[in-house]
Structure formats: structure tokens, C-alpha cells
Amino acid sequence: MAPYEITPEEQVELDKALYDALDPLATAMRSRASGLPGDRMWEADPVEVALSVLATWKVVDTEVKRLTAIAAGTAGSYGASYEQMGAVWGITRQGARKKWPDAISRAATTAATASAPLELCGGRAELTQDPSSGGWRWTGKGADGTHGAADGDTWYATKEEAAAHAGAFLREHAVHQP
């Protein structure tokens, strides 16, 4: 089994997680389209219900493509090559360059990055590097509107460490649907 393939058990868990995530969005979209409350959406015409579920998968597909492009850009900002990205995606280097043309910028490969954005869980953080010490800090705003930053005089040794702390903050301040 290739390292980026999943086991049958993992596939079952992934399917369940995706369906669990899709259900509230499908219910909301179907409710808006039909005028029925969410708890009665299945009382509609089965064809219309099935089409609303298909439309919801389209929304999810678009979001996955957007998040995939962000992940490719993040990998590129950390120094991953198109060859490496293509390998994990199962496509050629040229295919990866075509799929994510902005994942690797020429400027990023020739100059040290002084700051980097991080978008996660609906929030955004900015990672900044101190030119004199080389340490990294973060500031951010969660999806719930909460602002946060690295504590006081805290500087992290690497951009990855600062990103991990910023990511934990963004995840903690994501907007969760009831």
C-alpha cells in the first residue's frame, strides 16, 4: 500500500465523517430551496431531495478544491517542489504546476519569507519573522471574531512551530454549527 492510500477501515470512517459533515449543510440548503423546515426536508419529492444532496456535494467539492489549493500553497511556501506535490497527488510535476500555478512563487524561492498567511477553520493568522533574531510570532482572528496572538515576548524557533500554535488558536475559535 502506498503511503498516501487509505485502508478499507479508514475509508469507512472517512465516508461516515463526510456524510456527518454534509448532512447539516444539505438540510439547510434543501430547507431554503423547498421552504420546508429541516426536520421535514425528507418529505419532499425524492428527486428534488436527491438533487439537493447532489448540489450540496458540489458545494463541498468546490470547498475541497479551494482548501487543496491552500494546502499546495502552504507546501510550496515551506519549500515543497511541484515534483513532490505531484507525487503525493498522483500526477506529474507538470500536472501539479498546472493544477496549482501559484503554489510556488519565484520570489519565494529566491528570498527569505518575512511573513506568511495561514487560513484555517474559517479564520486567518499572519506569521511574521523577526529579522534580527529569526524567531517567528503569530497574530490572528478566529472565525468567531476572536483576536489572538503569541503570548507576550514569545518567539518560536521555526515558522512551523508558530503555525502550529496559530492553527490551534484558529481551530479553537472556529464557528461550530449546532
Protein backbone atom coordinates (compact mmCIF):
# COMPACT_ATOMS: atom_id res chain seq x y z
CA MET A 1 0.00 0.00 0.00
CA ALA A 2 1.36 3.43 -0.95
CA PRO A 3 1.85 5.81 1.99
CA TYR A 4 -0.95 8.12 0.84
CA GLU A 5 -3.57 5.41 0.28
CA ILE A 6 -6.11 4.63 2.96
CA THR A 7 -7.18 1.29 4.38
CA PRO A 8 -10.73 -0.03 3.94
CA GLU A 9 -11.38 0.76 7.61
CA GLU A 10 -10.16 4.33 7.15
CA GLN A 11 -12.41 4.61 4.06
CA VAL A 12 -15.45 3.63 6.15
CA GLU A 13 -14.52 6.21 8.80
CA LEU A 14 -13.92 8.89 6.14
CA ASP A 15 -17.26 8.18 4.46
CA LYS A 16 -19.06 8.48 7.80
CA ALA A 17 -17.29 11.73 8.67
CA LEU A 18 -18.09 13.21 5.26
CA TYR A 19 -21.75 12.23 5.46
CA ASP A 20 -21.95 13.60 9.01
CA ALA A 21 -20.43 16.88 7.82
CA LEU A 22 -22.64 17.01 4.72
CA ASP A 23 -25.96 16.39 6.46
CA PRO A 24 -26.39 19.80 8.17
CA LEU A 25 -25.40 21.66 5.01
CA ALA A 26 -27.68 19.52 2.83
CA THR A 27 -30.53 20.04 5.28
CA ALA A 28 -30.04 23.81 5.31
CA MET A 29 -29.77 24.06 1.53
CA ARG A 30 -32.80 21.82 0.98
CA SER A 31 -34.81 23.75 3.55
CA ARG A 32 -34.03 27.04 1.77
CA ALA A 33 -34.91 25.56 -1.62
CA SER A 34 -38.13 23.85 -0.54
CA GLY A 35 -39.37 26.18 2.17
CA LEU A 36 -39.77 23.16 4.44
CA PRO A 37 -38.18 23.12 7.88
CA GLY A 38 -35.04 21.00 8.09
CA ASP A 39 -36.74 18.23 10.04
CA ARG A 40 -39.27 17.80 7.18
CA MET A 41 -36.89 18.01 4.22
CA TRP A 42 -37.20 14.28 3.50
CA GLU A 43 -40.96 14.72 2.96
CA ALA A 44 -40.27 16.50 -0.34
CA ASP A 45 -40.20 14.87 -3.77
CA PRO A 46 -37.40 12.23 -3.70
CA VAL A 47 -35.91 13.55 -6.95
CA GLU A 48 -35.71 17.07 -5.50
CA VAL A 49 -34.17 15.76 -2.29
CA ALA A 50 -31.58 13.74 -4.22
CA LEU A 51 -30.76 16.75 -6.39
CA SER A 52 -30.32 18.94 -3.32
CA VAL A 53 -27.88 16.39 -1.89
CA LEU A 54 -26.01 16.41 -5.21
CA ALA A 55 -25.93 20.23 -5.13
CA THR A 56 -24.52 20.07 -1.61
CA TRP A 57 -21.75 17.71 -2.73
CA LYS A 58 -20.93 20.28 -5.44
CA VAL A 59 -20.51 22.94 -2.73
CA VAL A 60 -18.27 20.57 -0.76
CA ASP A 61 -16.26 19.72 -3.90
CA THR A 62 -15.66 23.41 -4.58
CA GLU A 63 -14.56 23.96 -0.97
CA VAL A 64 -12.23 20.94 -1.05
CA LYS A 65 -10.60 22.31 -4.22
CA ARG A 66 -10.12 25.70 -2.53
CA LEU A 67 -8.64 24.11 0.59
CA THR A 68 -6.43 21.85 -1.56
CA ALA A 69 -5.03 24.90 -3.33
CA ILE A 70 -4.30 26.49 0.06
CA ALA A 71 -2.55 23.29 1.20
CA ALA A 72 -0.48 23.25 -2.01
CA GLY A 73 0.44 26.90 -1.45
CA THR A 74 1.42 26.14 2.13
CA ALA A 75 3.56 23.21 1.00
CA GLY A 76 5.16 25.45 -1.63
CA SER A 77 5.82 28.19 0.91
CA TYR A 78 7.70 25.66 3.05
CA GLY A 79 9.84 24.64 0.09
CA ALA A 80 7.97 21.71 -1.45
CA SER A 81 8.56 21.33 -5.17
CA TYR A 82 5.97 20.72 -7.86
CA GLU A 83 7.54 17.29 -8.26
CA GLN A 84 6.85 16.49 -4.58
CA MET A 85 3.29 17.85 -4.73
CA GLY A 86 2.61 15.89 -7.89
CA ALA A 87 3.93 12.71 -6.28
CA VAL A 88 1.51 12.94 -3.34
CA TRP A 89 -1.38 13.86 -5.66
CA GLY A 90 -0.55 11.05 -8.13
CA ILE A 91 0.19 13.39 -11.04
CA THR A 92 3.30 14.63 -12.81
CA ARG A 93 5.33 17.68 -11.88
CA GLN A 94 3.83 19.46 -14.88
CA GLY A 95 0.34 18.41 -13.80
CA ALA A 96 0.94 19.85 -10.32
CA ARG A 97 2.23 23.12 -11.81
CA LYS A 98 -0.88 23.33 -13.99
CA LYS A 99 -3.24 22.43 -11.11
CA TRP A 100 -1.69 24.87 -8.60
CA PRO A 101 0.13 27.50 -10.67
CA ASP A 102 0.54 29.87 -7.72
CA ALA A 103 1.67 27.28 -5.16
CA ILE A 104 5.33 28.13 -5.69
CA SER A 105 6.31 31.67 -6.43
CA ARG A 106 9.64 32.53 -7.96
CA ALA A 107 10.12 35.30 -5.39
CA ALA A 108 9.57 32.87 -2.53
CA THR A 109 12.30 30.60 -3.81
CA THR A 110 14.88 33.39 -4.08
CA ALA A 111 14.19 35.43 -0.93
CA ALA A 112 13.54 34.52 2.68
CA THR A 113 9.90 34.85 3.67
CA ALA A 114 9.35 37.53 6.30
CA SER A 115 5.65 36.79 6.76
CA ALA A 116 3.16 34.14 5.77
CA PRO A 117 -0.63 33.90 5.96
CA LEU A 118 -2.39 30.91 7.47
CA GLU A 119 -6.08 30.27 6.77
CA LEU A 120 -7.70 27.51 8.75
CA CYS A 121 -11.15 26.69 10.16
CA GLY A 122 -12.60 29.90 8.72
CA GLY A 123 -10.07 32.12 10.48
CA ARG A 124 -6.82 33.76 9.43
CA ALA A 125 -3.43 34.24 11.07
CA GLU A 126 -0.31 36.01 9.95
CA LEU A 127 3.09 34.52 10.77
CA THR A 128 5.91 37.06 10.96
CA GLN A 129 9.63 36.63 11.33
CA ASP A 130 11.83 38.95 13.36
CA PRO A 131 14.65 39.99 11.00
CA SER A 132 17.21 40.30 13.79
CA SER A 133 16.60 37.08 15.74
CA GLY A 134 14.97 34.97 13.05
CA GLY A 135 12.23 33.99 15.52
CA TRP A 136 8.59 33.71 14.49
CA ARG A 137 5.36 35.11 16.00
CA TRP A 138 1.72 34.95 15.01
CA THR A 139 -1.38 37.13 15.23
CA GLY A 140 -4.80 36.04 14.11
CA LYS A 141 -8.54 36.33 14.09
CA GLY A 142 -10.70 33.24 14.53
CA ALA A 143 -13.86 32.59 12.54
CA ASP A 144 -15.82 33.59 15.66
CA GLY A 145 -14.21 37.07 15.57
CA THR A 146 -11.81 36.47 18.47
CA HIS A 147 -8.38 38.08 18.05
CA GLY A 148 -5.29 36.35 19.36
CA ALA A 149 -1.52 36.43 19.22
CA ALA A 150 1.56 34.68 20.53
CA ASP A 151 1.94 35.38 24.25
CA GLY A 152 3.92 38.46 25.26
CA ASP A 153 7.54 38.10 24.29
CA THR A 154 7.15 34.59 22.90
CA TRP A 155 9.09 33.94 19.71
CA TYR A 156 9.07 30.49 18.12
CA ALA A 157 12.21 28.95 16.66
CA THR A 158 10.54 27.96 13.38
CA LYS A 159 7.69 29.09 11.17
CA GLU A 160 6.17 25.61 11.56
CA GLU A 161 6.09 25.95 15.35
CA ALA A 162 4.41 29.37 15.13
CA ALA A 163 1.96 27.94 12.58
CA ALA A 164 1.11 25.06 14.91
CA HIS A 165 0.24 27.47 17.74
CA ALA A 166 -1.71 29.75 15.38
CA GLY A 167 -3.53 26.73 13.97
CA ALA A 168 -4.53 25.58 17.44
CA PHE A 169 -5.94 29.05 18.15
CA LEU A 170 -7.87 29.12 14.84
CA ARG A 171 -9.29 25.66 15.47
CA GLU A 172 -10.36 26.66 18.98
CA HIS A 173 -12.13 29.73 17.55
CA ALA A 174 -13.84 28.07 14.58
CA VAL A 175 -17.58 28.59 14.24
CA HIS A 176 -19.29 25.30 15.04
CA GLN A 177 -22.82 24.67 13.80
CA PRO A 178 -25.18 23.24 16.45
